[in-house]
Amino acid sequence: MNKLDPTTLFPTDDRIWMAILLLNYKDKVFTVRDFSNLSGMSLGFISQFSNLLKEAGYMAEGRQMKLKDPGALLNILRDIYFFEKHERHSYYTDSQPEETIQKIRDIGKERSYALTRMAGASKIAPFVRFELVDFYISSTEEIALWKEKLKLIDVELSGNINLFVPSDKRILTDVQTVDAIKIVNNIQLYLDLYKYPARGREQAEHLREQKIKVW
C-alpha cells in the first residue's frame, strides 16, 4: 500500500471536501456520476482524485467509489485540518447556550447556517459541557442580521458566541437537522472539534465512537 504524503494528497479545498463527503457517506457505494450529482464536482475531477485515493490505498479498485481505509483517511484529514482558516466574528450574548441555540434555530428557518464545535456536538453526541456557541453563516453580509436578531454585543477580544464565515461555502450544503436545528455533517463536526483546546479532542473522539464509527 503506497501511502502518499498527505500534503500531496490534500493540497486543495476541493480534495478535502470530496474526502469529507466520502467519509460522511461511507456506507454508500457511488458511481462517479452519482457522486458528481451529490457534490456538484466535475466528473473529471472526481475520477482523477479517485485514482489518487486508489493509488494511496484509501479506495478500493474498480469502477465504483468505495473507501477501503476510512479510519486512516479521517486521521489524515484530522491532522492537516486548520479550523482557523474560517473567518471568525466574536460577540457576547446574555442568553445561556441552549437559549441561544433555540434563537438561532428560529432565526435560521429561512437562512443558511449550521452549528459546529461544542454547540453542534451537544445535539449529536453530547459529552462535554460548554458555554461557547459556534456556528457557520453563509457570508459576511449576513452578520448584521444575525447580530441584530440575537442582540449580540461587540467585544474587543473573545465573547461567548462566534459566527464563522466558512472558507469553503460547501460546508453549508451538506448539513444535518436535529430538532429543527441545522448542524454540520459529522465528519466536518469531528474536524472542527478535534484541535479545539477546551476538551475538543475528548468530544471529537466521543462523536467518532458514537456516530462516525470508523477506526
Protein backbone atom coordinates (compact mmCIF):
# COMPACT_ATOMS: atom_id res chain seq x y z
CA MET A 1 0.00 0.00 0.00
CA ASN A 2 1.54 3.28 -1.11
CA LYS A 3 0.51 5.92 1.42
CA LEU A 4 1.10 9.24 -0.29
CA ASP A 5 2.27 12.30 1.60
CA PRO A 6 -0.93 13.95 2.99
CA THR A 7 0.26 17.36 1.77
CA THR A 8 0.44 15.88 -1.72
CA LEU A 9 -2.91 14.16 -1.41
CA PHE A 10 -4.82 17.15 0.01
CA PRO A 11 -3.44 20.45 -1.32
CA THR A 12 -6.86 21.95 -2.10
CA ASP A 13 -10.28 22.52 -0.52
CA ASP A 14 -11.84 20.54 -3.36
CA ARG A 15 -9.99 17.37 -2.39
CA ILE A 16 -10.65 17.89 1.31
CA TRP A 17 -14.37 18.37 0.69
CA MET A 18 -14.54 15.30 -1.55
CA ALA A 19 -12.92 13.23 1.22
CA ILE A 20 -15.31 14.68 3.83
CA LEU A 21 -18.30 13.66 1.73
CA LEU A 22 -16.91 10.20 1.02
CA LEU A 23 -16.42 9.66 4.75
CA ASN A 24 -19.81 11.10 5.66
CA TYR A 25 -21.47 8.70 3.19
CA LYS A 26 -19.04 5.85 3.82
CA ASP A 27 -21.78 3.21 3.73
CA LYS A 28 -22.85 4.19 0.21
CA VAL A 29 -21.19 2.91 -2.94
CA PHE A 30 -21.11 5.68 -5.54
CA THR A 31 -20.54 5.78 -9.25
CA VAL A 32 -18.59 8.80 -10.41
CA ARG A 33 -21.80 10.28 -11.80
CA ASP A 34 -23.74 9.65 -8.58
CA PHE A 35 -21.03 11.38 -6.58
CA SER A 36 -20.99 14.27 -9.04
CA ASN A 37 -24.74 14.71 -8.53
CA LEU A 38 -24.25 14.74 -4.75
CA SER A 39 -21.22 17.03 -4.64
CA GLY A 40 -21.57 19.26 -7.71
CA MET A 41 -17.98 18.40 -8.63
CA SER A 42 -16.98 17.61 -12.18
CA LEU A 43 -16.73 14.04 -13.43
CA GLY A 44 -13.13 14.62 -14.46
CA PHE A 45 -12.06 15.91 -11.05
CA ILE A 46 -13.79 13.07 -9.21
CA SER A 47 -12.23 10.44 -11.48
CA GLN A 48 -8.76 11.94 -11.12
CA PHE A 49 -8.86 12.19 -7.34
CA SER A 50 -10.45 8.74 -7.01
CA ASN A 51 -7.48 7.29 -8.88
CA LEU A 52 -5.10 9.01 -6.45
CA LEU A 53 -7.05 7.61 -3.49
CA LYS A 54 -6.83 4.13 -5.02
CA GLU A 55 -3.10 4.53 -5.57
CA ALA A 56 -2.71 5.63 -1.94
CA GLY A 57 -4.72 2.65 -0.67
CA TYR A 58 -7.75 4.56 0.61
CA MET A 59 -10.24 3.47 -2.04
CA ALA A 60 -10.97 0.02 -3.42
CA GLU A 61 -10.12 -0.79 -7.02
CA GLY A 62 -12.95 -0.90 -9.52
CA ARG A 63 -15.39 1.45 -11.21
CA GLN A 64 -17.41 2.16 -8.08
CA MET A 65 -16.25 4.52 -5.35
CA LYS A 66 -15.86 2.58 -2.10
CA LEU A 67 -13.49 3.65 0.68
CA LYS A 68 -11.02 0.99 1.73
CA ASP A 69 -9.44 2.50 4.84
CA PRO A 70 -11.81 5.23 6.11
CA GLY A 71 -10.25 5.45 9.57
CA ALA A 72 -6.79 6.21 8.20
CA LEU A 73 -8.25 8.74 5.77
CA LEU A 74 -10.11 10.51 8.57
CA ASN A 75 -6.92 10.62 10.63
CA ILE A 76 -5.10 12.36 7.78
CA LEU A 77 -7.84 14.96 7.40
CA ARG A 78 -7.91 15.48 11.16
CA ASP A 79 -4.18 16.12 11.32
CA ILE A 80 -3.96 18.54 8.39
CA TYR A 81 -7.23 20.39 9.01
CA PHE A 82 -6.88 24.04 10.01
CA PHE A 83 -10.04 25.46 11.60
CA GLU A 84 -8.55 28.95 11.83
CA LYS A 85 -8.89 29.39 8.08
CA HIS A 86 -12.55 30.28 8.65
CA GLU A 87 -13.39 33.94 9.24
CA ARG A 88 -14.43 34.45 12.87
CA HIS A 89 -16.70 37.18 14.27
CA SER A 90 -16.93 37.07 18.06
CA TYR A 91 -19.66 38.64 20.23
CA TYR A 92 -21.26 38.45 23.64
CA THR A 93 -24.83 37.44 24.44
CA ASP A 94 -26.69 37.49 27.75
CA SER A 95 -28.51 34.28 26.80
CA GLN A 96 -27.48 30.87 28.06
CA PRO A 97 -26.09 28.48 25.42
CA GLU A 98 -29.24 26.39 24.99
CA GLU A 99 -31.41 29.50 24.77
CA THR A 100 -29.02 30.94 22.17
CA ILE A 101 -29.26 27.75 20.12
CA GLN A 102 -33.06 27.91 20.15
CA LYS A 103 -32.92 31.52 18.97
CA ILE A 104 -30.55 30.54 16.17
CA ARG A 105 -33.00 27.79 15.18
CA ASP A 106 -35.90 30.24 14.98
CA ILE A 107 -33.98 32.93 13.10
CA GLY A 108 -32.40 30.40 10.76
CA LYS A 109 -35.57 28.77 9.46
CA GLU A 110 -35.18 30.54 6.12
CA ARG A 111 -31.42 31.11 6.30
CA SER A 112 -28.29 29.12 5.66
CA TYR A 113 -26.40 28.31 8.87
CA ALA A 114 -25.04 25.33 10.79
CA LEU A 115 -23.91 24.81 14.37
CA THR A 116 -20.43 23.41 14.92
CA ARG A 117 -17.93 22.52 17.64
CA MET A 118 -19.43 22.02 21.12
CA ALA A 119 -22.81 23.52 20.28
CA GLY A 120 -23.19 21.15 17.35
CA ALA A 121 -21.92 18.16 19.29
CA SER A 122 -24.42 18.85 22.08
CA LYS A 123 -27.19 17.90 19.63
CA ILE A 124 -25.47 14.88 18.07
CA ALA A 125 -23.37 13.15 20.75
CA PRO A 126 -23.27 15.24 23.95
CA PHE A 127 -20.30 14.59 26.19
CA VAL A 128 -18.64 17.81 27.36
CA ARG A 129 -20.42 20.78 28.93
CA PHE A 130 -19.97 24.01 27.01
CA GLU A 131 -20.50 27.75 27.33
CA LEU A 132 -19.45 28.95 23.87
CA VAL A 133 -21.78 28.73 20.84
CA ASP A 134 -20.10 28.46 17.43
CA PHE A 135 -21.95 28.41 14.14
CA TYR A 136 -21.36 28.97 10.46
CA ILE A 137 -23.24 31.56 8.41
CA SER A 138 -23.27 32.00 4.66
CA SER A 139 -21.48 35.34 4.22
CA THR A 140 -20.20 38.49 5.90
CA GLU A 141 -23.33 40.27 4.59
CA GLU A 142 -25.40 38.12 6.96
CA ILE A 143 -23.53 39.25 10.09
CA ALA A 144 -25.62 42.39 10.64
CA LEU A 145 -28.86 40.41 10.53
CA TRP A 146 -27.67 37.76 12.99
CA LYS A 147 -26.20 40.42 15.25
CA GLU A 148 -29.47 42.33 15.37
CA LYS A 149 -31.75 39.31 15.80
CA LEU A 150 -29.62 37.72 18.52
CA LYS A 151 -28.96 41.08 20.21
CA LEU A 152 -25.22 40.49 20.15
CA ILE A 153 -22.79 42.83 21.88
CA ASP A 154 -19.41 43.79 20.42
CA VAL A 155 -16.33 42.60 22.33
CA GLU A 156 -12.69 43.54 21.98
CA LEU A 157 -11.25 40.02 22.15
CA SER A 158 -13.41 36.94 22.59
CA GLY A 159 -17.03 36.59 23.60
CA ASN A 160 -19.36 33.65 24.17
CA ILE A 161 -20.73 33.33 20.65
CA ASN A 162 -18.78 33.05 17.40
CA LEU A 163 -20.13 33.46 13.88
CA PHE A 164 -17.90 31.85 11.25
CA VAL A 165 -17.93 32.55 7.53
CA PRO A 166 -16.53 29.28 6.13
CA SER A 167 -13.56 29.34 3.80
CA ASP A 168 -15.41 26.69 1.79
CA LYS A 169 -19.10 27.54 1.45
CA ARG A 170 -19.88 23.89 0.66
CA ILE A 171 -19.78 23.23 4.40
CA LEU A 172 -23.33 24.64 4.45
CA THR A 173 -24.55 22.41 1.60
CA ASP A 174 -24.30 19.09 3.45
CA VAL A 175 -25.78 19.54 6.92
CA GLN A 176 -27.95 17.50 9.26
CA THR A 177 -31.02 18.60 11.20
CA VAL A 178 -31.87 17.63 14.78
CA ASP A 179 -34.97 19.08 16.43
CA ALA A 180 -35.18 21.61 13.57
CA ILE A 181 -31.62 22.78 14.32
CA LYS A 182 -29.07 22.68 11.50
CA ILE A 183 -25.67 21.19 12.29
CA VAL A 184 -22.65 20.48 10.09
CA ASN A 185 -22.24 16.87 9.00
CA ASN A 186 -20.49 14.56 11.44
CA ILE A 187 -17.14 14.49 9.64
CA GLN A 188 -16.98 18.30 9.49
CA LEU A 189 -18.01 18.41 13.15
CA TYR A 190 -15.23 15.99 14.10
CA LEU A 191 -12.63 18.02 12.23
CA ASP A 192 -13.83 21.29 13.79
CA LEU A 193 -13.72 19.80 17.28
CA TYR A 194 -10.51 17.82 17.29
CA LYS A 195 -7.99 20.63 17.85
CA TYR A 196 -10.33 22.81 19.89
CA PRO A 197 -8.44 23.47 23.15
CA ALA A 198 -11.41 23.29 25.55
CA ARG A 199 -11.70 19.47 25.65
CA GLY A 200 -12.38 19.36 21.96
CA ARG A 201 -10.42 16.16 21.38
CA GLU A 202 -12.44 14.30 24.03
CA GLN A 203 -15.68 15.45 22.46
CA ALA A 204 -14.41 14.64 18.96
CA GLU A 205 -13.44 11.09 19.91
CA HIS A 206 -16.79 10.54 21.64
CA LEU A 207 -18.51 11.66 18.43
CA ARG A 208 -16.31 9.31 16.41
CA GLU A 209 -17.09 6.38 18.70
CA GLN A 210 -20.84 7.00 18.95
CA LYS A 211 -21.75 8.27 15.49
CA ILE A 212 -18.97 8.16 12.90
CA LYS A 213 -17.73 4.67 13.77
CA VAL A 214 -14.59 4.46 11.66
CA TRP A 215 -11.25 3.32 13.09
